[in-house]
Amino acid sequence: MVVRMKHSKGKRNRVRSHHALKKKAFSVCSHCKAEGISHIVCKQCGYYNGRQVIDVLKKTAKKEKKHQHTNTEESKKEHTHAHA
C-alpha cells in the first residue's frame, strides 16, 4: 500500500496540539466545604446548587445493610458445607 499524501511535521503537530490532557477543575462544596468536581453532586453530603439531591446517609446505611446480609448468607453456606 502506498502513502498517497504525506502530512508535514507541522500538520502532524497541529493535529496533536489538541490531544493534551487538561487539569480537572475542582471546586469547594458550599454545604460541607469538601473539594470536588464542578457541576456534579457532592459525594460527601449529596448537595448540589444549595439543595440536597441525594440522601448520602440513607444510601450508606442501605449499602451496609446489603453488605451484612451477604456476609451472613456466606457464613451460612460455609457452615452447611462444614457439616457435609
Foldseek 3Di string as FASTA:
>chain_A
DDDDDDDDPVVVVVVCVVVDDDDFDWDADPPPRDIDGPPDQDQPQCDDPHDHDDHNVVVVVVVVVVVVVVVVVVVVVVVVVVVD
